[in-house]
Amino acid sequence: MNGRTLEAGAVAGVTVVRNPVSAARAVMERSKHVMMTGKGAETFAREAGLEIVDPAYFYTEDRWKGLLRARMLDSTRQQLDHADTATAARLGAEMRDYKFGTVGAVALDRQGNLAAATSTGA
């Protein structure tokens, strides 16, 4: 998102775009849309000249083992972080904030323009 112009771009459900944040920026800058998803977003990214990779590019053995370990040790780690209030109240202090695969960035330039981007893996 561009804070100065209030323009925004997003992609969701992409599995072959090496840099989804670049794809979101391309949606913002090169299309009339705010969001594209799935195969359409991937086709758009390919046509925009962005790097397309095999989904295996995103796999690492360490992250896979970490996911399996988290699932085995504590099923609450699989709960959405916006779980219903009854569940949150029941779990209390045990409900920790475990997030995997999300990165974000915010930048403020010298002219006071704010830009933000986030990318969430599965």
PDB file of N, CA and C in Angstrom:
ATOM      1  N   MET A   1       0.844  -1.178   0.000  1.00  0.00           N
ATOM      2  CA  MET A   1       0.000   0.000   0.000  1.00  0.00           C
ATOM      3  C   MET A   1       0.880   1.228   0.000  1.00  0.00           C
ATOM      4  N   ASN A   2       0.430   2.223  -0.729  1.00  0.00           N
ATOM      5  CA  ASN A   2       1.119   3.494  -0.772  1.00  0.00           C
ATOM      6  C   ASN A   2       0.307   4.491   0.042  1.00  0.00           C
ATOM      7  N   GLY A   3       0.860   4.932   1.155  1.00  0.00           N
ATOM      8  CA  GLY A   3       0.132   5.818   2.048  1.00  0.00           C
ATOM      9  C   GLY A   3      -0.132   7.197   1.472  1.00  0.00           C
ATOM     10  N   ARG A   4       0.714   7.689   0.569  1.00  0.00           N
ATOM     11  CA  ARG A   4       0.528   9.013  -0.014  1.00  0.00           C
ATOM     12  C   ARG A   4      -0.657   9.035  -0.969  1.00  0.00           C
ATOM     13  N   THR A   5      -0.760   8.000  -1.819  1.00  0.00           N
ATOM     14  CA  THR A   5      -1.816   7.975  -2.841  1.00  0.00           C
ATOM     15  C   THR A   5      -3.017   7.121  -2.440  1.00  0.00           C
ATOM     16  N   LEU A   6      -2.856   6.355  -1.363  1.00  0.00           N
ATOM     17  CA  LEU A   6      -3.860   5.399  -0.906  1.00  0.00           C
ATOM     18  C   LEU A   6      -4.115   4.287  -1.918  1.00  0.00           C
ATOM     19  N   GLU A   7      -3.187   4.084  -2.844  1.00  0.00           N
ATOM     20  CA  GLU A   7      -3.273   2.955  -3.769  1.00  0.00           C
ATOM     21  C   GLU A   7      -2.889   1.691  -3.022  1.00  0.00           C
ATOM     22  N   ALA A   8      -3.465   0.582  -3.447  1.00  0.00           N
ATOM     23  CA  ALA A   8      -3.146  -0.702  -2.823  1.00  0.00           C
ATOM     24  C   ALA A   8      -3.153  -1.782  -3.883  1.00  0.00           C
ATOM     25  N   GLY A   9      -2.396  -2.817  -3.633  1.00  0.00           N
ATOM     26  CA  GLY A   9      -2.377  -3.985  -4.497  1.00  0.00           C
ATOM     27  C   GLY A   9      -2.161  -5.218  -3.651  1.00  0.00           C
ATOM     28  N   ALA A  10      -2.779  -6.319  -4.057  1.00  0.00           N
ATOM     29  CA  ALA A  10      -2.658  -7.548  -3.280  1.00  0.00           C
ATOM     30  C   ALA A  10      -2.774  -8.754  -4.200  1.00  0.00           C
ATOM     31  N   VAL A  11      -2.134  -9.836  -3.789  1.00  0.00           N
ATOM     32  CA  VAL A  11      -2.322 -11.136  -4.419  1.00  0.00           C
ATOM     33  C   VAL A  11      -2.568 -12.148  -3.310  1.00  0.00           C
ATOM     34  N   ALA A  12      -3.331 -13.177  -3.641  1.00  0.00           N
ATOM     35  CA  ALA A  12      -3.615 -14.231  -2.667  1.00  0.00           C
ATOM     36  C   ALA A  12      -3.678 -15.561  -3.396  1.00  0.00           C
ATOM     37  N   GLY A  13      -3.346 -16.618  -2.678  1.00  0.00           N
ATOM     38  CA  GLY A  13      -3.454 -17.956  -3.243  1.00  0.00           C
ATOM     39  C   GLY A  13      -2.475 -18.232  -4.357  1.00  0.00           C
ATOM     40  N   VAL A  14      -1.327 -17.590  -4.331  1.00  0.00           N
ATOM     41  CA  VAL A  14      -0.309 -17.854  -5.351  1.00  0.00           C
ATOM     42  C   VAL A  14       0.697 -18.859  -4.814  1.00  0.00           C
ATOM     43  N   THR A  15       1.131 -19.750  -5.661  1.00  0.00           N
ATOM     44  CA  THR A  15       2.066 -20.793  -5.223  1.00  0.00           C
ATOM     45  C   THR A  15       3.338 -20.843  -6.065  1.00  0.00           C
ATOM     46  N   VAL A  16       3.413 -20.046  -7.118  1.00  0.00           N
ATOM     47  CA  VAL A  16       4.576 -20.110  -8.002  1.00  0.00           C
ATOM     48  C   VAL A  16       5.264 -18.763  -8.200  1.00  0.00           C
ATOM     49  N   VAL A  17       4.741 -17.707  -7.618  1.00  0.00           N
ATOM     50  CA  VAL A  17       5.350 -16.384  -7.759  1.00  0.00           C
ATOM     51  C   VAL A  17       6.447 -16.261  -6.711  1.00  0.00           C
ATOM     52  N   ARG A  18       7.692 -16.088  -7.160  1.00  0.00           N
ATOM     53  CA  ARG A  18       8.816 -16.080  -6.226  1.00  0.00           C
ATOM     54  C   ARG A  18       8.683 -14.959  -5.191  1.00  0.00           C
ATOM     55  N   ASN A  19       8.220 -13.794  -5.627  1.00  0.00           N
ATOM     56  CA  ASN A  19       8.096 -12.679  -4.697  1.00  0.00           C
ATOM     57  C   ASN A  19       6.678 -12.111  -4.767  1.00  0.00           C
ATOM     58  N   PRO A  20       5.771 -12.604  -3.926  1.00  0.00           N
ATOM     59  CA  PRO A  20       4.387 -12.127  -3.948  1.00  0.00           C
ATOM     60  C   PRO A  20       4.230 -10.634  -3.666  1.00  0.00           C
ATOM     61  N   VAL A  21       5.131 -10.043  -2.898  1.00  0.00           N
ATOM     62  CA  VAL A  21       5.036  -8.605  -2.641  1.00  0.00           C
ATOM     63  C   VAL A  21       5.267  -7.829  -3.938  1.00  0.00           C
ATOM     64  N   SER A  22       6.194  -8.304  -4.771  1.00  0.00           N
ATOM     65  CA  SER A  22       6.406  -7.668  -6.076  1.00  0.00           C
ATOM     66  C   SER A  22       5.176  -7.824  -6.956  1.00  0.00           C
ATOM     67  N   ALA A  23       4.528  -8.975  -6.863  1.00  0.00           N
ATOM     68  CA  ALA A  23       3.294  -9.183  -7.625  1.00  0.00           C
ATOM     69  C   ALA A  23       2.202  -8.231  -7.149  1.00  0.00           C
ATOM     70  N   ALA A  24       2.098  -8.045  -5.836  1.00  0.00           N
ATOM     71  CA  ALA A  24       1.101  -7.114  -5.298  1.00  0.00           C
ATOM     72  C   ALA A  24       1.383  -5.691  -5.766  1.00  0.00           C
ATOM     73  N   ARG A  25       2.641  -5.329  -5.793  1.00  0.00           N
ATOM     74  CA  ARG A  25       2.996  -3.993  -6.276  1.00  0.00           C
ATOM     75  C   ARG A  25       2.645  -3.844  -7.754  1.00  0.00           C
ATOM     76  N   ALA A  26       2.881  -4.883  -8.533  1.00  0.00           N
ATOM     77  CA  ALA A  26       2.514  -4.839  -9.949  1.00  0.00           C
ATOM     78  C   ALA A  26       1.007  -4.695 -10.114  1.00  0.00           C
ATOM     79  N   VAL A  27       0.228  -5.377  -9.284  1.00  0.00           N
ATOM     80  CA  VAL A  27      -1.227  -5.221  -9.330  1.00  0.00           C
ATOM     81  C   VAL A  27      -1.587  -3.764  -9.062  1.00  0.00           C
ATOM     82  N   MET A  28      -0.948  -3.163  -8.065  1.00  0.00           N
ATOM     83  CA  MET A  28      -1.223  -1.773  -7.705  1.00  0.00           C
ATOM     84  C   MET A  28      -0.841  -0.817  -8.840  1.00  0.00           C
ATOM     85  N   GLU A  29       0.331  -1.024  -9.420  1.00  0.00           N
ATOM     86  CA  GLU A  29       0.870  -0.062 -10.375  1.00  0.00           C
ATOM     87  C   GLU A  29       0.477  -0.319 -11.832  1.00  0.00           C
ATOM     88  N   ARG A  30       0.161  -1.578 -12.182  1.00  0.00           N
ATOM     89  CA  ARG A  30      -0.026  -1.906 -13.591  1.00  0.00           C
ATOM     90  C   ARG A  30      -1.410  -2.442 -13.943  1.00  0.00           C
ATOM     91  N   SER A  31      -2.337  -2.387 -13.004  1.00  0.00           N
ATOM     92  CA  SER A  31      -3.682  -2.884 -13.298  1.00  0.00           C
ATOM     93  C   SER A  31      -4.726  -1.947 -12.712  1.00  0.00           C
ATOM     94  N   LYS A  32      -5.960  -2.160 -13.092  1.00  0.00           N
ATOM     95  CA  LYS A  32      -7.064  -1.368 -12.534  1.00  0.00           C
ATOM     96  C   LYS A  32      -7.634  -2.032 -11.281  1.00  0.00           C
ATOM     97  N   HIS A  33      -7.043  -3.149 -10.870  1.00  0.00           N
ATOM     98  CA  HIS A  33      -7.557  -3.927  -9.743  1.00  0.00           C
ATOM     99  C   HIS A  33      -6.797  -3.622  -8.463  1.00  0.00           C
ATOM    100  N   VAL A  34      -7.380  -4.023  -7.351  1.00  0.00           N
ATOM    101  CA  VAL A  34      -6.719  -3.924  -6.052  1.00  0.00           C
ATOM    102  C   VAL A  34      -6.207  -5.295  -5.635  1.00  0.00           C
ATOM    103  N   MET A  35      -6.900  -6.358  -6.020  1.00  0.00           N
ATOM    104  CA  MET A  35      -6.507  -7.702  -5.605  1.00  0.00           C
ATOM    105  C   MET A  35      -6.731  -8.696  -6.737  1.00  0.00           C
ATOM    106  N   MET A  36      -5.790  -9.623  -6.855  1.00  0.00           N
ATOM    107  CA  MET A  36      -5.921 -10.749  -7.776  1.00  0.00           C
ATOM    108  C   MET A  36      -5.605 -12.019  -6.999  1.00  0.00           C
ATOM    109  N   THR A  37      -6.238 -13.121  -7.382  1.00  0.00           N
ATOM    110  CA  THR A  37      -6.024 -14.370  -6.655  1.00  0.00           C
ATOM    111  C   THR A  37      -5.742 -15.526  -7.598  1.00  0.00           C
ATOM    112  N   GLY A  38      -5.131 -16.562  -7.019  1.00  0.00           N
ATOM    113  CA  GLY A  38      -4.952 -17.842  -7.688  1.00  0.00           C
ATOM    114  C   GLY A  38      -4.265 -17.774  -9.034  1.00  0.00           C
ATOM    115  N   LYS A  39      -4.764 -18.595  -9.950  1.00  0.00           N
ATOM    116  CA  LYS A  39      -4.150 -18.716 -11.274  1.00  0.00           C
ATOM    117  C   LYS A  39      -4.147 -17.398 -12.028  1.00  0.00           C
ATOM    118  N   GLY A  40      -5.197 -16.596 -11.860  1.00  0.00           N
ATOM    119  CA  GLY A  40      -5.231 -15.288 -12.518  1.00  0.00           C
ATOM    120  C   GLY A  40      -4.101 -14.393 -12.049  1.00  0.00           C
ATOM    121  N   ALA A  41      -3.831 -14.389 -10.755  1.00  0.00           N
ATOM    122  CA  ALA A  41      -2.734 -13.597 -10.205  1.00  0.00           C
ATOM    123  C   ALA A  41      -1.396 -14.125 -10.707  1.00  0.00           C
ATOM    124  N   GLU A  42      -1.281 -15.440 -10.807  1.00  0.00           N
ATOM    125  CA  GLU A  42      -0.033 -16.030 -11.300  1.00  0.00           C
ATOM    126  C   GLU A  42       0.188 -15.703 -12.773  1.00  0.00           C
ATOM    127  N   THR A  43      -0.867 -15.748 -13.566  1.00  0.00           N
ATOM    128  CA  THR A  43      -0.764 -15.389 -14.984  1.00  0.00           C
ATOM    129  C   THR A  43      -0.370 -13.920 -15.121  1.00  0.00           C
ATOM    130  N   PHE A  44      -1.011 -13.060 -14.330  1.00  0.00           N
ATOM    131  CA  PHE A  44      -0.686 -11.642 -14.354  1.00  0.00           C
ATOM    132  C   PHE A  44       0.787 -11.429 -14.003  1.00  0.00           C
ATOM    133  N   ALA A  45       1.266 -12.089 -12.955  1.00  0.00           N
ATOM    134  CA  ALA A  45       2.667 -11.946 -12.536  1.00  0.00           C
ATOM    135  C   ALA A  45       3.617 -12.409 -13.640  1.00  0.00           C
ATOM    136  N   ARG A  46       3.306 -13.524 -14.259  1.00  0.00           N
ATOM    137  CA  ARG A  46       4.132 -14.043 -15.358  1.00  0.00           C
ATOM    138  C   ARG A  46       4.186 -13.018 -16.487  1.00  0.00           C
ATOM    139  N   GLU A  47       3.023 -12.485 -16.874  1.00  0.00           N
ATOM    140  CA  GLU A  47       2.947 -11.507 -17.954  1.00  0.00           C
ATOM    141  C   GLU A  47       3.624 -10.187 -17.586  1.00  0.00           C
ATOM    142  N   ALA A  48       3.700  -9.884 -16.299  1.00  0.00           N
ATOM    143  CA  ALA A  48       4.377  -8.674 -15.821  1.00  0.00           C
ATOM    144  C   ALA A  48       5.890  -8.867 -15.758  1.00  0.00           C
ATOM    145  N   GLY A  49       6.354 -10.069 -16.068  1.00  0.00           N
ATOM    146  CA  GLY A  49       7.792 -10.336 -16.083  1.00  0.00           C
ATOM    147  C   GLY A  49       8.380 -10.732 -14.746  1.00  0.00           C
ATOM    148  N   LEU A  50       7.536 -11.074 -13.796  1.00  0.00           N
ATOM    149  CA  LEU A  50       8.044 -11.492 -12.490  1.00  0.00           C
ATOM    150  C   LEU A  50       8.523 -12.930 -12.547  1.00  0.00           C
ATOM    151  N   GLU A  51       9.421 -13.273 -11.647  1.00  0.00           N
ATOM    152  CA  GLU A  51      10.002 -14.615 -11.638  1.00  0.00           C
ATOM    153  C   GLU A  51       8.994 -15.644 -11.129  1.00  0.00           C
ATOM    154  N   ILE A  52       8.831 -16.697 -11.911  1.00  0.00           N
ATOM    155  CA  ILE A  52       7.948 -17.808 -11.574  1.00  0.00           C
ATOM    156  C   ILE A  52       8.827 -19.009 -11.224  1.00  0.00           C
ATOM    157  N   VAL A  53       8.490 -19.694 -10.146  1.00  0.00           N
ATOM    158  CA  VAL A  53       9.294 -20.824  -9.680  1.00  0.00           C
ATOM    159  C   VAL A  53       8.399 -22.032  -9.435  1.00  0.00           C
ATOM    160  N   ASP A  54       9.014 -23.182  -9.358  1.00  0.00           N
ATOM    161  CA  ASP A  54       8.308 -24.392  -8.958  1.00  0.00           C
ATOM    162  C   ASP A  54       7.937 -24.242  -7.484  1.00  0.00           C
ATOM    163  N   PRO A  55       6.751 -24.699  -7.074  1.00  0.00           N
ATOM    164  CA  PRO A  55       6.375 -24.577  -5.656  1.00  0.00           C
ATOM    165  C   PRO A  55       7.394 -25.182  -4.693  1.00  0.00           C
ATOM    166  N   ALA A  56       8.180 -26.143  -5.153  1.00  0.00           N
ATOM    167  CA  ALA A  56       9.201 -26.747  -4.299  1.00  0.00           C
ATOM    168  C   ALA A  56      10.254 -25.729  -3.860  1.00  0.00           C
ATOM    169  N   TYR A  57      10.362 -24.630  -4.573  1.00  0.00           N
ATOM    170  CA  TYR A  57      11.309 -23.568  -4.214  1.00  0.00           C
ATOM    171  C   TYR A  57      11.072 -23.088  -2.776  1.00  0.00           C
ATOM    172  N   PHE A  58       9.828 -23.084  -2.329  1.00  0.00           N
ATOM    173  CA  PHE A  58       9.476 -22.547  -1.025  1.00  0.00           C
ATOM    174  C   PHE A  58       9.647 -23.555   0.111  1.00  0.00           C
ATOM    175  N   TYR A  59       9.925 -24.792  -0.205  1.00  0.00           N
ATOM    176  CA  TYR A  59      10.038 -25.855   0.801  1.00  0.00           C
ATOM    177  C   TYR A  59      11.427 -25.854   1.420  1.00  0.00           C
ATOM    178  N   THR A  60      11.456 -25.941   2.761  1.00  0.00           N
ATOM    179  CA  THR A  60      12.719 -26.225   3.447  1.00  0.00           C
ATOM    180  C   THR A  60      12.440 -27.329   4.468  1.00  0.00           C
ATOM    181  N   GLU A  61      13.365 -28.204   4.597  1.00  0.00           N
ATOM    182  CA  GLU A  61      13.218 -29.327   5.527  1.00  0.00           C
ATOM    183  C   GLU A  61      13.045 -28.834   6.966  1.00  0.00           C
ATOM    184  N   ASP A  62      13.796 -27.813   7.362  1.00  0.00           N
ATOM    185  CA  ASP A  62      13.694 -27.281   8.724  1.00  0.00           C
ATOM    186  C   ASP A  62      12.291 -26.755   9.024  1.00  0.00           C
ATOM    187  N   ARG A  63      11.700 -25.992   8.087  1.00  0.00           N
ATOM    188  CA  ARG A  63      10.360 -25.452   8.316  1.00  0.00           C
ATOM    189  C   ARG A  63       9.319 -26.560   8.354  1.00  0.00           C
ATOM    190  N   TRP A  64       9.479 -27.574   7.496  1.00  0.00           N
ATOM    191  CA  TRP A  64       8.549 -28.703   7.490  1.00  0.00           C
ATOM    192  C   TRP A  64       8.604 -29.442   8.819  1.00  0.00           C
ATOM    193  N   LYS A  65       9.808 -29.718   9.300  1.00  0.00           N
ATOM    194  CA  LYS A  65       9.964 -30.401  10.581  1.00  0.00           C
ATOM    195  C   LYS A  65       9.407 -29.544  11.725  1.00  0.00           C
ATOM    196  N   GLY A  66       9.630 -28.232  11.640  1.00  0.00           N
ATOM    197  CA  GLY A  66       9.093 -27.341  12.664  1.00  0.00           C
ATOM    198  C   GLY A  66       7.577 -27.362  12.703  1.00  0.00           C
ATOM    199  N   LEU A  67       6.943 -27.395  11.544  1.00  0.00           N
ATOM    200  CA  LEU A  67       5.483 -27.476  11.500  1.00  0.00           C
ATOM    201  C   LEU A  67       4.995 -28.787  12.094  1.00  0.00           C
ATOM    202  N   LEU A  68       5.617 -29.885  11.719  1.00  0.00           N
ATOM    203  CA  LEU A  68       5.220 -31.187  12.268  1.00  0.00           C
ATOM    204  C   LEU A  68       5.402 -31.228  13.780  1.00  0.00           C
ATOM    205  N   ARG A  69       6.507 -30.671  14.255  1.00  0.00           N
ATOM    206  CA  ARG A  69       6.780 -30.637  15.697  1.00  0.00           C
ATOM    207  C   ARG A  69       5.727 -29.784  16.416  1.00  0.00           C
ATOM    208  N   ALA A  70       5.403 -28.627  15.864  1.00  0.00           N
ATOM    209  CA  ALA A  70       4.403 -27.753  16.490  1.00  0.00           C
ATOM    210  C   ALA A  70       3.050 -28.432  16.529  1.00  0.00           C
ATOM    211  N   ARG A  71       2.678 -29.104  15.474  1.00  0.00           N
ATOM    212  CA  ARG A  71       1.385 -29.790  15.437  1.00  0.00           C
ATOM    213  C   ARG A  71       1.338 -30.926  16.452  1.00  0.00           C
ATOM    214  N   MET A  72       2.448 -31.591  16.639  1.00  0.00           N
ATOM    215  CA  MET A  72       2.501 -32.706  17.575  1.00  0.00           C
ATOM    216  C   MET A  72       2.488 -32.213  19.026  1.00  0.00           C
ATOM    217  N   LEU A  73       3.217 -31.154  19.319  1.00  0.00           N
ATOM    218  CA  LEU A  73       3.373 -30.688  20.695  1.00  0.00           C
ATOM    219  C   LEU A  73       2.177 -29.926  21.229  1.00  0.00           C
ATOM    220  N   ASP A  74       1.506 -29.168  20.386  1.00  0.00           N
ATOM    221  CA  ASP A  74       0.474 -28.287  20.910  1.00  0.00           C
ATOM    222  C   ASP A  74      -0.527 -27.943  19.824  1.00  0.00           C
ATOM    223  N   SER A  75      -1.705 -28.516  19.914  1.00  0.00           N
ATOM    224  CA  SER A  75      -2.708 -28.296  18.877  1.00  0.00           C
ATOM    225  C   SER A  75      -3.192 -26.850  18.849  1.00  0.00           C
ATOM    226  N   THR A  76      -3.007 -26.073  19.926  1.00  0.00           N
ATOM    227  CA  THR A  76      -3.446 -24.675  19.887  1.00  0.00           C
ATOM    228  C   THR A  76      -2.605 -23.867  18.919  1.00  0.00           C
ATOM    229  N   ARG A  77      -1.445 -24.361  18.562  1.00  0.00           N
ATOM    230  CA  ARG A  77      -0.621 -23.657  17.585  1.00  0.00           C
ATOM    231  C   ARG A  77      -1.260 -23.696  16.199  1.00  0.00           C
ATOM    232  N   GLN A  78      -2.229 -24.559  16.032  1.00  0.00           N
ATOM    233  CA  GLN A  78      -2.921 -24.644  14.753  1.00  0.00           C
ATOM    234  C   GLN A  78      -4.171 -23.781  14.735  1.00  0.00           C
ATOM    235  N   GLN A  79      -4.511 -23.176  15.874  1.00  0.00           N
ATOM    236  CA  GLN A  79      -5.698 -22.346  15.950  1.00  0.00           C
ATOM    237  C   GLN A  79      -5.436 -20.996  15.284  1.00  0.00           C
ATOM    238  N   LEU A  80      -6.466 -20.413  14.695  1.00  0.00           N
ATOM    239  CA  LEU A  80      -6.341 -19.077  14.154  1.00  0.00           C
ATOM    240  C   LEU A  80      -6.052 -18.112  15.287  1.00  0.00           C
ATOM    241  N   ASP A  81      -5.286 -17.056  15.011  1.00  0.00           N
ATOM    242  CA  ASP A  81      -4.963 -16.126  16.078  1.00  0.00           C
ATOM    243  C   ASP A  81      -6.143 -15.230  16.438  1.00  0.00           C
ATOM    244  N   HIS A  82      -7.238 -15.338  15.718  1.00  0.00           N
ATOM    245  CA  HIS A  82      -8.444 -14.599  16.069  1.00  0.00           C
ATOM    246  C   HIS A  82      -9.547 -15.573  16.496  1.00  0.00           C
ATOM    247  N   ALA A  83      -9.123 -16.559  17.283  1.00  0.00           N
ATOM    248  CA  ALA A  83     -10.058 -17.573  17.776  1.00  0.00           C
ATOM    249  C   ALA A  83     -11.187 -16.908  18.557  1.00  0.00           C
ATOM    250  N   ASP A  84     -12.310 -17.604  18.649  1.00  0.00           N
ATOM    251  CA  ASP A  84     -13.451 -17.038  19.366  1.00  0.00           C
ATOM    252  C   ASP A  84     -13.085 -16.746  20.813  1.00  0.00           C
ATOM    253  N   THR A  85     -13.785 -15.803  21.416  1.00  0.00           N
ATOM    254  CA  THR A  85     -13.446 -15.355  22.769  1.00  0.00           C
ATOM    255  C   THR A  85     -13.615 -16.450  23.809  1.00  0.00           C
ATOM    256  N   ALA A  86     -14.557 -17.363  23.604  1.00  0.00           N
ATOM    257  CA  ALA A  86     -14.742 -18.460  24.559  1.00  0.00           C
ATOM    258  C   ALA A  86     -13.502 -19.346  24.572  1.00  0.00           C
ATOM    259  N   THR A  87     -12.965 -19.643  23.395  1.00  0.00           N
ATOM    260  CA  THR A  87     -11.749 -20.457  23.323  1.00  0.00           C
ATOM    261  C   THR A  87     -10.581 -19.713  23.958  1.00  0.00           C
ATOM    262  N   ALA A  88     -10.451 -18.428  23.650  1.00  0.00           N
ATOM    263  CA  ALA A  88      -9.355 -17.639  24.203  1.00  0.00           C
ATOM    264  C   ALA A  88      -9.445 -17.575  25.725  1.00  0.00           C
ATOM    265  N   ALA A  89     -10.652 -17.391  26.261  1.00  0.00           N
ATOM    266  CA  ALA A  89     -10.837 -17.326  27.710  1.00  0.00           C
ATOM    267  C   ALA A  89     -10.493 -18.667  28.362  1.00  0.00           C
ATOM    268  N   ARG A  90     -10.903 -19.766  27.714  1.00  0.00           N
ATOM    269  CA  ARG A  90     -10.633 -21.093  28.255  1.00  0.00           C
ATOM    270  C   ARG A  90      -9.134 -21.373  28.277  1.00  0.00           C
ATOM    271  N   LEU A  91      -8.431 -20.981  27.230  1.00  0.00           N
ATOM    272  CA  LEU A  91      -7.002 -21.271  27.142  1.00  0.00           C
ATOM    273  C   LEU A  91      -6.164 -20.306  27.966  1.00  0.00           C
ATOM    274  N   GLY A  92      -6.678 -19.093  28.160  1.00  0.00           N
ATOM    275  CA  GLY A  92      -5.990 -18.105  28.987  1.00  0.00           C
ATOM    276  C   GLY A  92      -4.542 -17.932  28.591  1.00  0.00           C
ATOM    277  N   ALA A  93      -3.664 -18.011  29.576  1.00  0.00           N
ATOM    278  CA  ALA A  93      -2.238 -17.782  29.351  1.00  0.00           C
ATOM    279  C   ALA A  93      -1.613 -18.829  28.443  1.00  0.00           C
ATOM    280  N   GLU A  94      -2.274 -19.981  28.316  1.00  0.00           N
ATOM    281  CA  GLU A  94      -1.711 -21.026  27.464  1.00  0.00           C
ATOM    282  C   GLU A  94      -1.804 -20.695  25.983  1.00  0.00           C
ATOM    283  N   MET A  95      -2.691 -19.773  25.626  1.00  0.00           N
ATOM    284  CA  MET A  95      -2.867 -19.441  24.215  1.00  0.00           C
ATOM    285  C   MET A  95      -1.778 -18.473  23.793  1.00  0.00           C
ATOM    286  N   ARG A  96      -0.702 -19.022  23.285  1.00  0.00           N
ATOM    287  CA  ARG A  96       0.433 -18.230  22.852  1.00  0.00           C
ATOM    288  C   ARG A  96       0.271 -17.837  21.397  1.00  0.00           C
ATOM    289  N   ASP A  97       1.032 -16.869  20.988  1.00  0.00           N
ATOM    290  CA  ASP A  97       0.946 -16.344  19.632  1.00  0.00           C
ATOM    291  C   ASP A  97       2.033 -16.993  18.772  1.00  0.00           C
ATOM    292  N   TYR A  98       1.699 -18.067  18.067  1.00  0.00           N
ATOM    293  CA  TYR A  98       2.629 -18.748  17.185  1.00  0.00           C
ATOM    294  C   TYR A  98       2.274 -18.396  15.753  1.00  0.00           C
ATOM    295  N   LYS A  99       3.211 -17.816  15.040  1.00  0.00           N
ATOM    296  CA  LYS A  99       2.981 -17.479  13.643  1.00  0.00           C
ATOM    297  C   LYS A  99       4.124 -18.057  12.819  1.00  0.00           C
ATOM    298  N   PHE A 100       3.786 -18.536  11.655  1.00  0.00           N
ATOM    299  CA  PHE A 100       4.779 -19.132  10.782  1.00  0.00           C
ATOM    300  C   PHE A 100       4.647 -18.538   9.391  1.00  0.00           C
ATOM    301  N   GLY A 101       5.744 -18.135   8.802  1.00  0.00           N
ATOM    302  CA  GLY A 101       5.754 -17.772   7.399  1.00  0.00           C
ATOM    303  C   GLY A 101       5.307 -16.373   7.058  1.00  0.00           C
ATOM    304  N   THR A 102       5.185 -15.474   8.012  1.00  0.00           N
ATOM    305  CA  THR A 102       4.726 -14.124   7.708  1.00  0.00           C
ATOM    306  C   THR A 102       5.876 -13.138   7.853  1.00  0.00           C
ATOM    307  N   VAL A 103       6.024 -12.277   6.851  1.00  0.00           N
ATOM    308  CA  VAL A 103       6.999 -11.191   6.923  1.00  0.00           C
ATOM    309  C   VAL A 103       6.287  -9.897   6.574  1.00  0.00           C
ATOM    310  N   GLY A 104       6.773  -8.805   7.101  1.00  0.00           N
ATOM    311  CA  GLY A 104       6.165  -7.517   6.802  1.00  0.00           C
ATOM    312  C   GLY A 104       7.203  -6.420   6.800  1.00  0.00           C
ATOM    313  N   ALA A 105       6.875  -5.338   6.128  1.00  0.00           N
ATOM    314  CA  ALA A 105       7.777  -4.195   6.069  1.00  0.00           C
ATOM    315  C   ALA A 105       6.964  -2.912   5.996  1.00  0.00           C
ATOM    316  N   VAL A 106       7.471  -1.881   6.644  1.00  0.00           N
ATOM    317  CA  VAL A 106       6.882  -0.551   6.573  1.00  0.00           C
ATOM    318  C   VAL A 106       8.037   0.411   6.351  1.00  0.00           C
ATOM    319  N   ALA A 107       7.843   1.359   5.427  1.00  0.00           N
ATOM    320  CA  ALA A 107       8.896   2.335   5.139  1.00  0.00           C
ATOM    321  C   ALA A 107       8.310   3.736   5.122  1.00  0.00           C
ATOM    322  N   LEU A 108       9.056   4.674   5.684  1.00  0.00           N
ATOM    323  CA  LEU A 108       8.684   6.081   5.677  1.00  0.00           C
ATOM    324  C   LEU A 108       9.829   6.833   5.018  1.00  0.00           C
ATOM    325  N   ASP A 109       9.551   7.530   3.888  1.00  0.00           N
ATOM    326  CA  ASP A 109      10.630   8.239   3.205  1.00  0.00           C
ATOM    327  C   ASP A 109      10.768   9.671   3.731  1.00  0.00           C
ATOM    328  N   ARG A 110      11.733  10.390   3.204  1.00  0.00           N
ATOM    329  CA  ARG A 110      12.035  11.745   3.686  1.00  0.00           C
ATOM    330  C   ARG A 110      10.901  12.734   3.440  1.00  0.00           C
ATOM    331  N   GLN A 111      10.057  12.449   2.467  1.00  0.00           N
ATOM    332  CA  GLN A 111       8.916  13.320   2.181  1.00  0.00           C
ATOM    333  C   GLN A 111       7.695  12.956   3.016  1.00  0.00           C
ATOM    334  N   GLY A 112       7.828  11.981   3.889  1.00  0.00           N
ATOM    335  CA  GLY A 112       6.724  11.579   4.753  1.00  0.00           C
ATOM    336  C   GLY A 112       5.778  10.572   4.126  1.00  0.00           C
ATOM    337  N   ASN A 113       6.173   9.983   3.000  1.00  0.00           N
ATOM    338  CA  ASN A 113       5.342   8.964   2.349  1.00  0.00           C
ATOM    339  C   ASN A 113       5.536   7.630   3.048  1.00  0.00           C
ATOM    340  N   LEU A 114       4.423   6.988   3.347  1.00  0.00           N
ATOM    341  CA  LEU A 114       4.438   5.713   4.052  1.00  0.00           C
ATOM    342  C   LEU A 114       4.055   4.605   3.088  1.00  0.00           C
ATOM    343  N   ALA A 115       4.793   3.504   3.114  1.00  0.00           N
ATOM    344  CA  ALA A 115       4.469   2.342   2.290  1.00  0.00           C
ATOM    345  C   ALA A 115       4.534   1.112   3.191  1.00  0.00           C
ATOM    346  N   ALA A 116       3.672   0.155   2.921  1.00  0.00           N
ATOM    347  CA  ALA A 116       3.632  -1.064   3.729  1.00  0.00           C
ATOM    348  C   ALA A 116       3.454  -2.266   2.826  1.00  0.00           C
ATOM    349  N   ALA A 117       4.020  -3.399   3.255  1.00  0.00           N
ATOM    350  CA  ALA A 117       3.873  -4.645   2.508  1.00  0.00           C
ATOM    351  C   ALA A 117       3.933  -5.798   3.499  1.00  0.00           C
ATOM    352  N   THR A 118       3.226  -6.868   3.189  1.00  0.00           N
ATOM    353  CA  THR A 118       3.287  -8.077   4.000  1.00  0.00           C
ATOM    354  C   THR A 118       3.145  -9.275   3.093  1.00  0.00           C
ATOM    355  N   SER A 119       3.719 -10.381   3.508  1.00  0.00           N
ATOM    356  CA  SER A 119       3.618 -11.619   2.757  1.00  0.00           C
ATOM    357  C   SER A 119       3.445 -12.750   3.764  1.00  0.00           C
ATOM    358  N   THR A 120       2.417 -13.516   3.603  1.00  0.00           N
ATOM    359  CA  THR A 120       2.104 -14.593   4.529  1.00  0.00           C
ATOM    360  C   THR A 120       2.181 -15.929   3.823  1.00  0.00           C
ATOM    361  N   GLY A 121       3.073 -16.808   4.291  1.00  0.00           N
ATOM    362  CA  GLY A 121       3.171 -18.154   3.739  1.00  0.00           C
ATOM    363  C   GLY A 121       2.164 -19.067   4.382  1.00  0.00           C
ATOM    364  N   ALA A 122       1.989 -20.209   3.782  1.00  0.00           N
ATOM    365  CA  ALA A 122       1.036 -21.195   4.314  1.00  0.00           C
ATOM    366  C   ALA A 122       1.622 -21.905   5.503  1.00  0.00           C
TER     367      ALA A 122
END
